[in-house]
Amino acid sequence: MARQSNEATTTAVCLSREELRDLCGTPYATKQMEFLILNGIAHYKGLDGRPRVLWATLEGAPDSAVAAAVAVAEWKPNKVA
């Protein structure tokens, strides 16, 4: 599922209801939650009871962010014991 290039979706943080329906294959909120849980897709429940999925969850982190995280995780102090 690719993000559409129109102005309405480029500023959105979460998938729209239509995009979530396309992802899950159903318009029903309870079935969408079931699909997201079964497929391990990170989401949260909005105040209206409908599931919310961030675009960042589906698009993933950029390679530079992953490289920076790996560099931080591999850091070791120079202190001699």
N, C-alpha and C. Protein backbone atom coordinates (compact mmCIF):
# COMPACT_ATOMS: atom_id res chain seq x y z
N MET A 1 0.85 -1.17 0.00
CA MET A 1 0.00 0.00 0.00
C MET A 1 0.90 1.23 0.00
N ALA A 2 0.80 2.02 -1.01
CA ALA A 2 1.63 3.21 -1.13
C ALA A 2 0.82 4.45 -0.78
N ARG A 3 1.48 5.39 -0.17
CA ARG A 3 0.83 6.64 0.17
C ARG A 3 0.50 7.41 -1.10
N GLN A 4 -0.71 7.92 -1.17
CA GLN A 4 -1.11 8.70 -2.33
C GLN A 4 -0.45 10.06 -2.27
N SER A 5 -0.27 10.68 -3.42
CA SER A 5 0.49 11.92 -3.47
C SER A 5 -0.36 13.18 -3.46
N ASN A 6 -1.64 13.07 -3.12
CA ASN A 6 -2.43 14.29 -3.07
C ASN A 6 -2.21 15.01 -1.74
N GLU A 7 -2.61 16.27 -1.68
CA GLU A 7 -2.31 17.11 -0.52
C GLU A 7 -2.95 16.60 0.76
N ALA A 8 -4.12 16.00 0.68
CA ALA A 8 -4.83 15.55 1.87
C ALA A 8 -4.08 14.44 2.59
N THR A 9 -3.41 13.55 1.87
CA THR A 9 -2.74 12.44 2.52
C THR A 9 -1.30 12.74 2.89
N THR A 10 -0.67 13.71 2.27
CA THR A 10 0.72 13.99 2.58
C THR A 10 0.88 14.65 3.95
N THR A 11 -0.16 15.32 4.42
CA THR A 11 -0.07 15.95 5.73
C THR A 11 -0.66 15.06 6.82
N ALA A 12 -1.30 13.96 6.47
CA ALA A 12 -1.92 13.07 7.44
C ALA A 12 -0.87 12.22 8.14
N VAL A 13 -1.08 12.00 9.41
CA VAL A 13 -0.18 11.17 10.20
C VAL A 13 -0.69 9.73 10.20
N CYS A 14 -2.00 9.58 10.21
CA CYS A 14 -2.62 8.26 10.25
C CYS A 14 -3.28 7.93 8.92
N LEU A 15 -3.50 6.66 8.68
CA LEU A 15 -4.24 6.22 7.51
C LEU A 15 -5.67 6.72 7.61
N SER A 16 -6.27 7.06 6.49
CA SER A 16 -7.68 7.46 6.48
C SER A 16 -8.54 6.21 6.64
N ARG A 17 -9.82 6.39 6.84
CA ARG A 17 -10.72 5.24 6.97
C ARG A 17 -10.71 4.41 5.69
N GLU A 18 -10.66 5.07 4.55
CA GLU A 18 -10.64 4.35 3.27
C GLU A 18 -9.35 3.54 3.13
N GLU A 19 -8.23 4.13 3.50
CA GLU A 19 -6.94 3.43 3.40
C GLU A 19 -6.89 2.26 4.38
N LEU A 20 -7.45 2.45 5.57
CA LEU A 20 -7.49 1.37 6.55
C LEU A 20 -8.41 0.24 6.06
N ARG A 21 -9.51 0.61 5.42
CA ARG A 21 -10.42 -0.39 4.85
C ARG A 21 -9.71 -1.19 3.76
N ASP A 22 -8.92 -0.52 2.92
CA ASP A 22 -8.16 -1.21 1.87
C ASP A 22 -7.11 -2.15 2.47
N LEU A 23 -6.46 -1.70 3.52
CA LEU A 23 -5.43 -2.51 4.17
C LEU A 23 -6.02 -3.76 4.80
N CYS A 24 -7.11 -3.58 5.54
CA CYS A 24 -7.70 -4.69 6.31
C CYS A 24 -8.70 -5.52 5.51
N GLY A 25 -9.27 -4.93 4.46
CA GLY A 25 -10.23 -5.66 3.65
C GLY A 25 -11.63 -5.65 4.21
N THR A 26 -11.91 -4.79 5.19
CA THR A 26 -13.24 -4.71 5.78
C THR A 26 -13.50 -3.30 6.31
N PRO A 27 -14.74 -2.83 6.24
CA PRO A 27 -15.06 -1.51 6.78
C PRO A 27 -15.41 -1.53 8.27
N TYR A 28 -15.50 -2.71 8.87
CA TYR A 28 -15.93 -2.83 10.27
C TYR A 28 -14.75 -2.68 11.22
N ALA A 29 -14.90 -1.79 12.20
CA ALA A 29 -13.81 -1.48 13.13
C ALA A 29 -13.35 -2.71 13.92
N THR A 30 -14.28 -3.54 14.37
CA THR A 30 -13.89 -4.71 15.17
C THR A 30 -13.08 -5.70 14.33
N LYS A 31 -13.47 -5.87 13.08
CA LYS A 31 -12.72 -6.77 12.19
C LYS A 31 -11.37 -6.17 11.81
N GLN A 32 -11.30 -4.85 11.68
CA GLN A 32 -10.03 -4.19 11.40
C GLN A 32 -9.06 -4.40 12.56
N MET A 33 -9.57 -4.24 13.80
CA MET A 33 -8.71 -4.46 14.98
C MET A 33 -8.21 -5.90 14.99
N GLU A 34 -9.10 -6.83 14.69
CA GLU A 34 -8.73 -8.25 14.64
C GLU A 34 -7.63 -8.49 13.61
N PHE A 35 -7.77 -7.91 12.42
CA PHE A 35 -6.78 -8.05 11.36
C PHE A 35 -5.43 -7.49 11.79
N LEU A 36 -5.44 -6.28 12.39
CA LEU A 36 -4.20 -5.63 12.81
C LEU A 36 -3.48 -6.45 13.88
N ILE A 37 -4.24 -6.99 14.82
CA ILE A 37 -3.64 -7.80 15.89
C ILE A 37 -3.05 -9.09 15.31
N LEU A 38 -3.82 -9.78 14.46
CA LEU A 38 -3.35 -11.05 13.88
C LEU A 38 -2.11 -10.87 13.02
N ASN A 39 -1.97 -9.71 12.37
CA ASN A 39 -0.83 -9.47 11.50
C ASN A 39 0.30 -8.70 12.17
N GLY A 40 0.15 -8.40 13.45
CA GLY A 40 1.22 -7.75 14.19
C GLY A 40 1.50 -6.33 13.76
N ILE A 41 0.49 -5.63 13.27
CA ILE A 41 0.65 -4.23 12.85
C ILE A 41 0.37 -3.33 14.04
N ALA A 42 1.34 -2.50 14.39
CA ALA A 42 1.19 -1.60 15.52
C ALA A 42 0.06 -0.61 15.25
N HIS A 43 -0.80 -0.43 16.22
CA HIS A 43 -1.95 0.46 16.08
C HIS A 43 -2.40 0.91 17.46
N TYR A 44 -3.31 1.83 17.49
CA TYR A 44 -3.95 2.21 18.74
C TYR A 44 -5.41 2.50 18.47
N LYS A 45 -6.19 2.54 19.55
CA LYS A 45 -7.62 2.74 19.44
C LYS A 45 -7.94 4.20 19.71
N GLY A 46 -8.66 4.83 18.78
CA GLY A 46 -9.04 6.23 18.93
C GLY A 46 -10.18 6.38 19.93
N LEU A 47 -10.49 7.62 20.29
CA LEU A 47 -11.58 7.87 21.23
C LEU A 47 -12.93 7.45 20.68
N ASP A 48 -13.04 7.34 19.37
CA ASP A 48 -14.29 6.89 18.77
C ASP A 48 -14.37 5.36 18.66
N GLY A 49 -13.33 4.68 19.15
CA GLY A 49 -13.32 3.22 19.14
C GLY A 49 -12.78 2.60 17.88
N ARG A 50 -12.38 3.42 16.92
CA ARG A 50 -11.86 2.91 15.66
C ARG A 50 -10.34 2.78 15.74
N PRO A 51 -9.76 1.80 15.03
CA PRO A 51 -8.31 1.64 15.06
C PRO A 51 -7.60 2.75 14.29
N ARG A 52 -6.41 3.10 14.74
CA ARG A 52 -5.57 4.10 14.08
C ARG A 52 -4.22 3.46 13.79
N VAL A 53 -3.74 3.64 12.57
CA VAL A 53 -2.42 3.13 12.16
C VAL A 53 -1.63 4.31 11.62
N LEU A 54 -0.43 4.50 12.14
CA LEU A 54 0.43 5.58 11.66
C LEU A 54 1.08 5.18 10.34
N TRP A 55 1.28 6.18 9.48
CA TRP A 55 1.96 5.93 8.22
C TRP A 55 3.38 5.42 8.46
N ALA A 56 4.02 5.92 9.50
CA ALA A 56 5.40 5.51 9.79
C ALA A 56 5.48 4.02 10.09
N THR A 57 4.41 3.44 10.62
CA THR A 57 4.38 2.00 10.89
C THR A 57 4.48 1.21 9.60
N LEU A 58 3.79 1.65 8.58
CA LEU A 58 3.78 0.91 7.31
C LEU A 58 4.97 1.23 6.43
N GLU A 59 5.44 2.47 6.47
CA GLU A 59 6.54 2.88 5.60
C GLU A 59 7.90 2.47 6.16
N GLY A 60 8.00 2.31 7.46
CA GLY A 60 9.27 1.95 8.07
C GLY A 60 10.17 3.15 8.25
N ALA A 61 11.26 2.93 8.95
CA ALA A 61 12.23 3.99 9.22
C ALA A 61 13.17 4.15 8.03
N PRO A 62 13.61 5.38 7.74
CA PRO A 62 14.59 5.56 6.68
C PRO A 62 15.92 4.89 7.04
N ASP A 63 16.70 4.54 6.03
CA ASP A 63 17.96 3.84 6.25
C ASP A 63 18.91 4.63 7.14
N SER A 64 18.91 5.95 7.03
CA SER A 64 19.81 6.76 7.85
C SER A 64 19.44 6.65 9.33
N ALA A 65 18.15 6.57 9.63
CA ALA A 65 17.72 6.43 11.03
C ALA A 65 18.11 5.07 11.58
N VAL A 66 18.02 4.04 10.75
CA VAL A 66 18.41 2.70 11.18
C VAL A 66 19.92 2.65 11.41
N ALA A 67 20.69 3.25 10.53
CA ALA A 67 22.15 3.27 10.68
C ALA A 67 22.55 4.02 11.96
N ALA A 68 21.88 5.12 12.25
CA ALA A 68 22.19 5.88 13.47
C ALA A 68 21.85 5.06 14.71
N ALA A 69 20.74 4.34 14.68
CA ALA A 69 20.35 3.53 15.82
C ALA A 69 21.33 2.39 16.05
N VAL A 70 21.82 1.79 14.98
CA VAL A 70 22.80 0.70 15.09
C VAL A 70 24.11 1.25 15.66
N ALA A 71 24.53 2.42 15.22
CA ALA A 71 25.77 3.03 15.72
C ALA A 71 25.68 3.31 17.21
N VAL A 72 24.55 3.78 17.66
CA VAL A 72 24.36 4.06 19.09
C VAL A 72 24.34 2.74 19.88
N ALA A 73 23.69 1.73 19.35
CA ALA A 73 23.60 0.45 20.04
C ALA A 73 24.96 -0.24 20.14
N GLU A 74 25.85 -0.03 19.19
CA GLU A 74 27.15 -0.66 19.20
C GLU A 74 28.22 0.12 19.96
N TRP A 75 27.87 1.29 20.46
CA TRP A 75 28.85 2.14 21.15
C TRP A 75 29.35 1.46 22.41
N LYS A 76 30.66 1.55 22.63
CA LYS A 76 31.28 1.01 23.86
C LYS A 76 32.18 2.08 24.42
N PRO A 77 32.22 2.22 25.73
CA PRO A 77 33.06 3.26 26.34
C PRO A 77 34.55 2.94 26.17
N ASN A 78 35.38 3.95 26.19
CA ASN A 78 36.82 3.79 26.07
C ASN A 78 37.49 3.65 27.44
N LYS A 79 36.73 3.65 28.46
CA LYS A 79 37.26 3.60 29.83
C LYS A 79 37.96 2.26 30.07
N VAL A 80 39.17 2.34 30.58
CA VAL A 80 39.93 1.13 30.90
C VAL A 80 39.65 0.78 32.34
N ALA A 81 39.33 -0.45 32.59
CA ALA A 81 38.99 -0.88 33.96
C ALA A 81 40.20 -1.20 34.78
